[in-house]
Amino acid sequence: MGNIDSAKLFGLDELILFSFYLANRNRYKKTLDLGANIGLHTLVMKKLGFQVTSYEPDSIHLAQFKKVMELNDLGAEGLTPKAISDRHGTMEYIRILGNTTGSHLLGSKEEVYGATETVSVEADDILEVLNKGKFDFVKMDVEGHEVVLLNRITAESIGTTDIMLEIGSEKNAKEIFTILTNKKIPAYAQKINWGRVEKLEDLPNHHTHGSLFLSMQGPPNWN
């Protein structure tokens, strides 16, 4: 993945998410992995018995995703080689050559470091995917595009669907706070020990602040 390898995908925040999947292995059945990368989160969820639909647009990651599943005696069923956005169609994707984990759809990030290349990818509409799939849980790691996705969804579309996501900037945090407030979607932040978000300062605005959990059904389950 450029200058890094898959060991980077085993950081503390990732391990916390893996423990969340374990705690909810009897709660969730059908899950959606947005920004699946090389498939580590998909792998863990599949091992725990979830039926997983995985979205990943980068051809480099897709090739490794299939190898990861094969090495673990799992097939690539559910893998969708597309980006996810607020519409169908072709979009421009910025691949960061030195660290492909930070690659993203054009316009999703204000600052990009290092050499890049632009490729065209196909995208699906998040609202249509949610309405059609009837998922229990969504892991959303879309490198800045979460504002677009959350602006597209409705409270009704996630009535029984929980979402775990990361927010990477103050700008995105401000926009997401407004979106969630206007749509009356409850949020719970790792930053405040999974308490309910009441003010902007409660939201994470950097990956070191941990994840944000969205649910119309209450706070995250860790038992």
Protein backbone atom coordinates (compact mmCIF):
# COMPACT_ATOMS: atom_id res chain seq x y z
CA MET A 1 0.00 0.00 0.00
CA GLY A 2 2.73 2.40 -1.01
CA ASN A 3 5.28 3.00 1.75
CA ILE A 4 3.29 1.12 4.38
CA ASP A 5 2.15 -2.47 4.79
CA SER A 6 -0.82 -4.22 6.32
CA ALA A 7 0.67 -4.07 9.84
CA LYS A 8 -0.64 -0.49 9.94
CA LEU A 9 -4.15 -1.90 9.82
CA PHE A 10 -3.76 -3.46 13.27
CA GLY A 11 -3.64 -0.22 15.28
CA LEU A 12 -5.42 0.23 18.59
CA ASP A 13 -8.53 1.83 17.08
CA GLU A 14 -8.88 -1.07 14.65
CA LEU A 15 -8.59 -3.58 17.49
CA ILE A 16 -11.32 -1.71 19.36
CA LEU A 17 -13.57 -2.06 16.32
CA PHE A 18 -12.76 -5.76 16.07
CA SER A 19 -13.79 -6.17 19.71
CA PHE A 20 -17.03 -4.34 18.90
CA TYR A 21 -17.74 -6.83 16.12
CA LEU A 22 -17.10 -9.68 18.55
CA ALA A 23 -19.40 -8.19 21.18
CA ASN A 24 -22.17 -7.85 18.57
CA ARG A 25 -21.77 -11.16 16.77
CA ASN A 26 -25.24 -12.22 17.92
CA ARG A 27 -26.80 -8.78 17.38
CA TYR A 28 -25.85 -8.06 13.77
CA LYS A 29 -26.35 -10.45 10.87
CA LYS A 30 -26.04 -8.43 7.67
CA THR A 31 -23.30 -5.81 7.49
CA LEU A 32 -21.89 -3.27 5.03
CA ASP A 33 -18.16 -2.53 4.86
CA LEU A 34 -17.65 0.83 3.10
CA GLY A 35 -14.03 1.45 2.22
CA ALA A 36 -13.05 -2.18 2.65
CA ASN A 37 -9.40 -1.65 1.62
CA ILE A 38 -7.68 -5.07 1.51
CA GLY A 39 -10.51 -6.72 3.43
CA LEU A 40 -9.36 -6.94 7.04
CA HIS A 41 -12.63 -5.75 8.57
CA THR A 42 -14.60 -7.88 6.14
CA LEU A 43 -12.47 -10.86 7.11
CA VAL A 44 -13.10 -10.40 10.84
CA MET A 45 -16.82 -9.93 10.33
CA LYS A 46 -17.07 -12.97 8.07
CA LYS A 47 -15.15 -15.07 10.59
CA LEU A 48 -17.71 -14.00 13.20
CA GLY A 49 -20.56 -15.16 10.99
CA PHE A 50 -21.77 -11.90 9.47
CA GLN A 51 -23.04 -11.74 5.92
CA VAL A 52 -20.88 -8.91 4.56
CA THR A 53 -21.24 -6.65 1.52
CA SER A 54 -17.94 -4.85 0.88
CA TYR A 55 -17.35 -1.72 -1.20
CA GLU A 56 -13.83 -0.90 -2.41
CA PRO A 57 -12.99 1.03 -5.61
CA ASP A 58 -9.18 0.70 -5.75
CA SER A 59 -7.97 -2.07 -8.08
CA ILE A 60 -4.77 -2.46 -6.03
CA HIS A 61 -6.73 -3.11 -2.86
CA LEU A 62 -9.24 -5.33 -4.64
CA ALA A 63 -6.52 -7.72 -5.81
CA GLN A 64 -5.20 -8.08 -2.27
CA PHE A 65 -8.72 -8.36 -0.85
CA LYS A 66 -9.29 -11.47 -2.93
CA LYS A 67 -5.96 -12.95 -1.79
CA VAL A 68 -6.83 -12.31 1.86
CA MET A 69 -10.14 -14.11 1.50
CA GLU A 70 -8.53 -17.01 -0.36
CA LEU A 71 -5.81 -17.41 2.28
CA ASN A 72 -8.52 -17.66 4.92
CA ASP A 73 -10.60 -20.19 2.98
CA LEU A 74 -13.28 -17.61 2.27
CA GLY A 75 -14.70 -16.49 -1.04
CA ALA A 76 -15.05 -12.93 -2.29
CA GLU A 77 -18.85 -13.07 -2.28
CA GLY A 78 -20.34 -9.69 -1.49
CA LEU A 79 -17.38 -7.73 -2.83
CA THR A 80 -18.51 -4.76 -4.92
CA PRO A 81 -15.64 -3.11 -6.87
CA LYS A 82 -17.07 0.39 -6.59
CA ALA A 83 -16.95 3.56 -4.55
CA ILE A 84 -19.95 4.71 -2.53
CA SER A 85 -21.37 8.22 -2.83
CA ASP A 86 -24.62 10.16 -3.13
CA ARG A 87 -25.25 9.12 -6.72
CA HIS A 88 -24.61 6.48 -9.33
CA GLY A 89 -22.01 7.01 -12.01
CA THR A 90 -18.37 7.50 -12.80
CA MET A 91 -16.25 9.54 -10.37
CA GLU A 92 -12.62 10.59 -10.11
CA TYR A 93 -10.55 8.76 -7.50
CA ILE A 94 -7.29 10.13 -6.13
CA ARG A 95 -4.80 7.36 -5.39
CA ILE A 96 -2.06 8.47 -2.99
CA LEU A 97 0.93 6.48 -4.17
CA GLY A 98 2.87 6.61 -0.92
CA ASN A 99 -0.07 5.53 1.23
CA THR A 100 -3.04 4.08 -0.61
CA THR A 101 -5.03 3.80 2.64
CA GLY A 102 -5.56 7.56 2.28
CA SER A 103 -6.82 7.42 -1.30
CA HIS A 104 -10.21 9.06 -1.79
CA LEU A 105 -12.83 10.39 -4.13
CA LEU A 106 -11.96 13.75 -5.65
CA GLY A 107 -12.99 16.61 -3.39
CA SER A 108 -13.16 14.58 -0.19
CA LYS A 109 -9.95 16.02 1.29
CA GLU A 110 -8.62 19.56 1.37
CA GLU A 111 -4.96 18.57 1.69
CA VAL A 112 -3.11 15.70 0.04
CA TYR A 113 0.51 14.84 0.69
CA GLY A 114 2.84 13.11 -1.75
CA ALA A 115 2.53 11.91 -5.30
CA THR A 116 -0.91 10.95 -6.62
CA GLU A 117 -2.61 9.60 -9.69
CA THR A 118 -6.21 10.03 -10.76
CA VAL A 119 -8.30 7.12 -11.97
CA SER A 120 -11.97 6.77 -12.85
CA VAL A 121 -14.14 4.52 -10.69
CA GLU A 122 -17.80 3.60 -10.63
CA ALA A 123 -19.95 4.57 -7.65
CA ASP A 124 -23.26 3.51 -6.13
CA ASP A 125 -25.80 5.66 -4.29
CA ILE A 126 -25.59 5.08 -0.50
CA LEU A 127 -29.30 5.70 0.04
CA GLU A 128 -30.30 3.15 -2.56
CA VAL A 129 -27.82 0.61 -1.15
CA LEU A 130 -29.20 1.06 2.37
CA ASN A 131 -32.84 0.87 1.32
CA LYS A 132 -32.25 -2.21 -0.81
CA GLY A 133 -29.87 -4.08 1.47
CA LYS A 134 -31.61 -3.70 4.85
CA PHE A 135 -28.32 -3.93 6.75
CA ASP A 136 -27.98 -4.18 10.53
CA PHE A 137 -24.60 -2.45 10.67
CA VAL A 138 -22.34 -0.25 8.52
CA LYS A 139 -18.61 0.27 8.98
CA MET A 140 -17.86 3.52 7.15
CA ASP A 141 -14.22 4.38 6.36
CA VAL A 142 -14.42 6.57 3.27
CA GLU A 143 -11.57 9.05 3.75
CA GLY A 144 -13.44 12.33 4.07
CA HIS A 145 -16.47 11.38 1.97
CA GLU A 146 -18.54 10.65 5.08
CA VAL A 147 -20.06 14.16 4.92
CA VAL A 148 -21.51 13.41 1.49
CA LEU A 149 -22.85 10.03 2.61
CA LEU A 150 -24.44 11.33 5.81
CA ASN A 151 -25.99 14.23 3.93
CA ARG A 152 -27.60 11.71 1.59
CA ILE A 153 -29.04 9.24 4.12
CA THR A 154 -32.21 9.81 6.12
CA ALA A 155 -33.14 8.85 9.67
CA GLU A 156 -35.73 6.50 8.17
CA SER A 157 -33.11 4.73 6.03
CA ILE A 158 -31.10 3.81 9.14
CA GLY A 159 -33.99 3.12 11.49
CA THR A 160 -32.61 -0.34 12.26
CA THR A 161 -29.09 0.16 10.89
CA ASP A 162 -26.20 1.21 13.14
CA ILE A 163 -23.17 3.01 11.68
CA MET A 164 -19.58 3.24 12.92
CA LEU A 165 -17.41 5.87 11.24
CA GLU A 166 -14.32 8.04 11.54
CA ILE A 167 -14.12 11.83 11.14
CA GLY A 168 -10.79 13.19 9.97
CA SER A 169 -11.05 16.98 10.10
CA GLU A 170 -12.58 19.89 12.00
CA LYS A 171 -14.39 21.00 8.85
CA ASN A 172 -16.04 17.61 8.45
CA ALA A 173 -16.92 17.49 12.14
CA LYS A 174 -18.75 20.83 11.90
CA GLU A 175 -20.68 19.74 8.82
CA ILE A 176 -21.55 16.35 10.30
CA PHE A 177 -22.73 17.92 13.57
CA THR A 178 -25.13 20.11 11.59
CA ILE A 179 -26.34 17.18 9.48
CA LEU A 180 -26.97 14.92 12.47
CA THR A 181 -28.69 17.70 14.41
CA ASN A 182 -30.99 18.60 11.52
CA LYS A 183 -31.85 14.97 10.81
CA LYS A 184 -32.22 14.11 14.52
CA ILE A 185 -29.82 11.17 14.25
CA PRO A 186 -28.32 10.28 17.67
CA ALA A 187 -24.52 9.98 17.83
CA TYR A 188 -22.22 8.44 20.46
CA ALA A 189 -18.49 9.24 20.50
CA GLN A 190 -15.52 7.20 21.63
CA LYS A 191 -13.91 10.57 22.43
CA ILE A 192 -16.34 11.00 25.37
CA ASN A 193 -16.38 7.34 26.44
CA TRP A 194 -19.25 6.54 24.07
CA GLY A 195 -21.51 9.14 25.63
CA ARG A 196 -24.18 10.82 23.52
CA VAL A 197 -22.97 13.77 21.47
CA GLU A 198 -24.59 16.99 22.66
CA LYS A 199 -22.25 19.65 21.28
CA LEU A 200 -19.72 20.05 18.50
CA GLU A 201 -16.78 19.56 20.85
CA ASP A 202 -18.02 16.04 21.62
CA LEU A 203 -17.38 14.93 18.04
CA PRO A 204 -14.04 13.48 16.95
CA ASN A 205 -12.23 15.58 14.34
CA HIS A 206 -9.08 13.49 13.92
CA HIS A 207 -8.46 9.75 13.59
CA THR A 208 -6.73 9.77 17.00
CA HIS A 209 -10.05 10.70 18.63
CA GLY A 210 -11.55 7.31 17.80
CA SER A 211 -14.85 6.43 16.18
CA LEU A 212 -18.38 7.81 16.08
CA PHE A 213 -21.41 5.53 16.45
CA LEU A 214 -24.75 6.50 14.90
CA SER A 215 -27.90 4.68 15.92
CA MET A 216 -31.61 5.32 16.22
CA GLN A 217 -31.64 2.39 18.68
CA GLY A 218 -29.37 3.63 21.45
CA PRO A 219 -25.68 3.61 22.46
CA PRO A 220 -23.22 0.95 21.24
CA ASN A 221 -23.34 -2.46 22.85
CA TRP A 222 -20.05 -3.69 24.34
CA ASN A 223 -21.34 -6.69 26.32
